[in-house]
């Protein structure tokens, strides 16, 4: 799971989403869940600024991310 940390995404709530992801996964930035299924990586621009905040999961870009959508992505990965 790559969460964008660039300015456009930050301005649209990426910091809160990052904190939420860390809590939900029980890991910090750059760490992998105990089962090896999800690694949480910060990235600094996915080129989806118009749909911030953005992420990428398994090579698939996701825009207009919110906590509910992030939760669904994480649950699908676990």
N, C-alpha and C. Protein backbone atom coordinates (compact mmCIF):
# COMPACT_ATOMS: atom_id res chain seq x y z
N UNK A 1 0.85 -1.17 0.00
CA UNK A 1 0.00 0.00 0.00
C UNK A 1 0.89 1.22 0.00
N UNK A 2 0.79 2.01 -1.04
CA UNK A 2 1.55 3.25 -1.15
C UNK A 2 0.59 4.42 -0.98
N UNK A 3 0.85 5.23 0.02
CA UNK A 3 0.02 6.41 0.26
C UNK A 3 0.82 7.65 -0.11
N UNK A 4 0.20 8.49 -0.92
CA UNK A 4 0.85 9.71 -1.36
C UNK A 4 0.97 10.68 -0.19
N UNK A 5 2.17 11.27 -0.06
CA UNK A 5 2.45 12.24 1.00
C UNK A 5 2.80 13.61 0.42
N UNK A 6 2.60 13.80 -0.88
CA UNK A 6 2.95 15.07 -1.53
C UNK A 6 1.95 16.17 -1.13
N UNK A 7 2.26 17.38 -1.51
CA UNK A 7 1.52 18.55 -1.05
C UNK A 7 0.03 18.51 -1.37
N UNK A 8 -0.33 18.15 -2.59
CA UNK A 8 -1.76 18.14 -2.96
C UNK A 8 -2.53 17.15 -2.08
N UNK A 9 -1.96 15.99 -1.87
CA UNK A 9 -2.63 14.99 -1.04
C UNK A 9 -2.65 15.41 0.43
N UNK A 10 -1.55 16.02 0.89
CA UNK A 10 -1.52 16.52 2.26
C UNK A 10 -2.64 17.53 2.49
N UNK A 11 -2.83 18.41 1.51
CA UNK A 11 -3.84 19.45 1.66
C UNK A 11 -5.26 18.88 1.69
N UNK A 12 -5.40 17.64 1.22
CA UNK A 12 -6.73 17.01 1.18
C UNK A 12 -6.89 15.91 2.24
N UNK A 13 -5.98 15.88 3.22
CA UNK A 13 -6.17 14.97 4.35
C UNK A 13 -5.32 13.72 4.37
N UNK A 14 -4.26 13.67 3.58
CA UNK A 14 -3.43 12.47 3.53
C UNK A 14 -2.75 12.16 4.86
N UNK A 15 -2.41 13.18 5.64
CA UNK A 15 -1.76 12.92 6.92
C UNK A 15 -2.67 12.13 7.85
N UNK A 16 -3.93 12.50 7.89
CA UNK A 16 -4.90 11.77 8.70
C UNK A 16 -5.11 10.35 8.20
N UNK A 17 -5.14 10.19 6.88
CA UNK A 17 -5.29 8.85 6.30
C UNK A 17 -4.08 7.98 6.61
N UNK A 18 -2.89 8.58 6.60
CA UNK A 18 -1.69 7.84 6.93
C UNK A 18 -1.72 7.35 8.36
N UNK A 19 -2.13 8.23 9.27
CA UNK A 19 -2.25 7.84 10.68
C UNK A 19 -3.29 6.74 10.85
N UNK A 20 -4.39 6.86 10.13
CA UNK A 20 -5.45 5.85 10.17
C UNK A 20 -4.94 4.50 9.67
N UNK A 21 -4.19 4.52 8.57
CA UNK A 21 -3.64 3.28 8.02
C UNK A 21 -2.68 2.62 9.00
N UNK A 22 -1.82 3.42 9.63
CA UNK A 22 -0.89 2.86 10.62
C UNK A 22 -1.63 2.18 11.76
N UNK A 23 -2.67 2.83 12.25
CA UNK A 23 -3.46 2.27 13.34
C UNK A 23 -4.18 1.01 12.89
N UNK A 24 -4.82 1.07 11.75
CA UNK A 24 -5.59 -0.07 11.23
C UNK A 24 -4.70 -1.28 10.99
N UNK A 25 -3.51 -1.04 10.45
CA UNK A 25 -2.59 -2.14 10.12
C UNK A 25 -1.71 -2.55 11.30
N UNK A 26 -1.59 -1.68 12.29
CA UNK A 26 -0.74 -1.97 13.44
C UNK A 26 0.74 -1.90 13.10
N UNK A 27 1.09 -1.06 12.13
CA UNK A 27 2.48 -0.90 11.70
C UNK A 27 2.78 0.57 11.47
N UNK A 28 4.05 0.88 11.30
CA UNK A 28 4.46 2.23 10.96
C UNK A 28 4.84 2.31 9.49
N UNK A 29 5.23 3.52 9.08
CA UNK A 29 5.67 3.74 7.70
C UNK A 29 6.88 2.86 7.39
N UNK A 30 6.85 2.22 6.24
CA UNK A 30 7.95 1.38 5.80
C UNK A 30 7.96 -0.01 6.43
N UNK A 31 6.94 -0.32 7.20
CA UNK A 31 6.85 -1.63 7.86
C UNK A 31 5.85 -2.52 7.13
N UNK A 32 5.93 -3.80 7.43
CA UNK A 32 5.05 -4.81 6.84
C UNK A 32 4.26 -5.50 7.94
N UNK A 33 3.01 -5.81 7.67
CA UNK A 33 2.18 -6.51 8.65
C UNK A 33 2.82 -7.86 8.99
N UNK A 34 2.49 -8.39 10.18
CA UNK A 34 3.11 -9.62 10.66
C UNK A 34 2.93 -10.79 9.69
N UNK A 35 1.84 -10.78 8.92
CA UNK A 35 1.58 -11.88 7.98
C UNK A 35 2.22 -11.64 6.61
N UNK A 36 2.86 -10.49 6.44
CA UNK A 36 3.55 -10.19 5.20
C UNK A 36 2.66 -9.74 4.06
N UNK A 37 1.41 -9.48 4.33
CA UNK A 37 0.47 -9.14 3.25
C UNK A 37 0.50 -7.68 2.82
N UNK A 38 0.77 -6.78 3.76
CA UNK A 38 0.71 -5.35 3.43
C UNK A 38 1.95 -4.64 3.97
N UNK A 39 2.60 -3.88 3.10
CA UNK A 39 3.66 -2.97 3.49
C UNK A 39 3.14 -1.57 3.26
N UNK A 40 3.34 -0.70 4.23
CA UNK A 40 2.85 0.68 4.13
C UNK A 40 4.01 1.59 3.76
N UNK A 41 3.98 2.09 2.54
CA UNK A 41 5.06 2.94 2.04
C UNK A 41 4.56 4.34 1.73
N UNK A 42 5.32 5.35 2.15
CA UNK A 42 5.01 6.71 1.73
C UNK A 42 5.58 6.93 0.33
N UNK A 43 4.85 7.60 -0.52
CA UNK A 43 5.35 8.00 -1.83
C UNK A 43 5.09 9.49 -1.99
N UNK A 44 5.84 10.11 -2.86
CA UNK A 44 5.74 11.56 -2.99
C UNK A 44 5.34 11.95 -4.40
N UNK A 45 4.20 11.52 -4.78
CA UNK A 45 3.42 11.88 -5.95
C UNK A 45 3.16 10.66 -6.83
N UNK A 46 1.89 10.39 -6.97
CA UNK A 46 1.44 9.32 -7.86
C UNK A 46 0.89 9.90 -9.16
N UNK A 47 0.93 11.22 -9.28
CA UNK A 47 0.41 11.87 -10.48
C UNK A 47 -1.10 11.97 -10.51
N UNK A 48 -1.71 11.82 -9.35
CA UNK A 48 -3.17 11.86 -9.24
C UNK A 48 -3.62 13.08 -8.43
N UNK A 49 -2.91 14.16 -8.55
CA UNK A 49 -3.16 15.35 -7.73
C UNK A 49 -4.61 15.85 -7.81
N UNK A 50 -5.21 15.72 -8.96
CA UNK A 50 -6.59 16.20 -9.15
C UNK A 50 -7.60 15.35 -8.39
N UNK A 51 -7.18 14.16 -7.97
CA UNK A 51 -8.09 13.28 -7.24
C UNK A 51 -7.55 12.97 -5.85
N UNK A 52 -6.81 13.92 -5.28
CA UNK A 52 -6.20 13.75 -3.96
C UNK A 52 -7.28 13.61 -2.87
N UNK A 53 -6.95 12.86 -1.82
CA UNK A 53 -5.73 12.10 -1.58
C UNK A 53 -5.74 10.79 -2.36
N UNK A 54 -4.53 10.34 -2.67
CA UNK A 54 -4.38 9.18 -3.55
C UNK A 54 -3.51 8.09 -2.93
N UNK A 55 -3.68 6.89 -3.47
CA UNK A 55 -2.88 5.75 -3.02
C UNK A 55 -2.70 4.80 -4.19
N UNK A 56 -1.89 3.79 -3.95
CA UNK A 56 -1.72 2.72 -4.93
C UNK A 56 -1.67 1.40 -4.15
N UNK A 57 -2.48 0.45 -4.59
CA UNK A 57 -2.50 -0.87 -3.96
C UNK A 57 -2.32 -1.90 -5.05
N UNK A 58 -1.29 -2.72 -4.93
CA UNK A 58 -1.00 -3.76 -5.93
C UNK A 58 -0.91 -3.18 -7.34
N UNK A 59 -0.33 -2.01 -7.45
CA UNK A 59 -0.13 -1.38 -8.75
C UNK A 59 -1.35 -0.67 -9.31
N UNK A 60 -2.44 -0.65 -8.56
CA UNK A 60 -3.66 0.02 -9.02
C UNK A 60 -3.83 1.35 -8.30
N UNK A 61 -3.88 2.46 -9.05
CA UNK A 61 -4.06 3.77 -8.42
C UNK A 61 -5.50 3.96 -7.92
N UNK A 62 -5.59 4.65 -6.80
CA UNK A 62 -6.89 4.94 -6.20
C UNK A 62 -6.91 6.41 -5.82
N UNK A 63 -7.89 7.14 -6.30
CA UNK A 63 -8.04 8.55 -5.98
C UNK A 63 -9.27 8.79 -5.12
N UNK A 64 -9.37 10.03 -4.65
CA UNK A 64 -10.49 10.44 -3.79
C UNK A 64 -10.63 9.50 -2.59
N UNK A 65 -9.50 9.20 -1.99
CA UNK A 65 -9.45 8.26 -0.89
C UNK A 65 -10.01 8.89 0.39
N UNK A 66 -10.76 8.09 1.13
CA UNK A 66 -11.22 8.49 2.45
C UNK A 66 -11.05 7.30 3.39
N UNK A 67 -11.35 7.45 4.66
CA UNK A 67 -11.12 6.37 5.62
C UNK A 67 -11.91 5.12 5.27
N UNK A 68 -13.14 5.26 4.87
CA UNK A 68 -13.97 4.08 4.54
C UNK A 68 -13.40 3.33 3.35
N UNK A 69 -13.00 4.05 2.33
CA UNK A 69 -12.42 3.41 1.14
C UNK A 69 -11.08 2.76 1.48
N UNK A 70 -10.28 3.44 2.29
CA UNK A 70 -9.00 2.88 2.73
C UNK A 70 -9.22 1.60 3.54
N UNK A 71 -10.20 1.62 4.42
CA UNK A 71 -10.52 0.41 5.20
C UNK A 71 -10.89 -0.76 4.29
N UNK A 72 -11.68 -0.50 3.26
CA UNK A 72 -12.06 -1.57 2.33
C UNK A 72 -10.85 -2.12 1.59
N UNK A 73 -9.94 -1.24 1.19
CA UNK A 73 -8.72 -1.68 0.52
C UNK A 73 -7.88 -2.56 1.44
N UNK A 74 -7.73 -2.14 2.67
CA UNK A 74 -6.93 -2.90 3.63
C UNK A 74 -7.58 -4.25 3.92
N UNK A 75 -8.87 -4.24 4.15
CA UNK A 75 -9.57 -5.49 4.45
C UNK A 75 -9.48 -6.48 3.29
N UNK A 76 -9.53 -5.98 2.07
CA UNK A 76 -9.41 -6.86 0.91
C UNK A 76 -8.03 -7.47 0.81
N UNK A 77 -7.02 -6.74 1.27
CA UNK A 77 -5.64 -7.22 1.22
C UNK A 77 -5.34 -8.23 2.32
N UNK A 78 -6.06 -8.13 3.41
CA UNK A 78 -5.82 -9.03 4.54
C UNK A 78 -6.69 -10.24 4.41
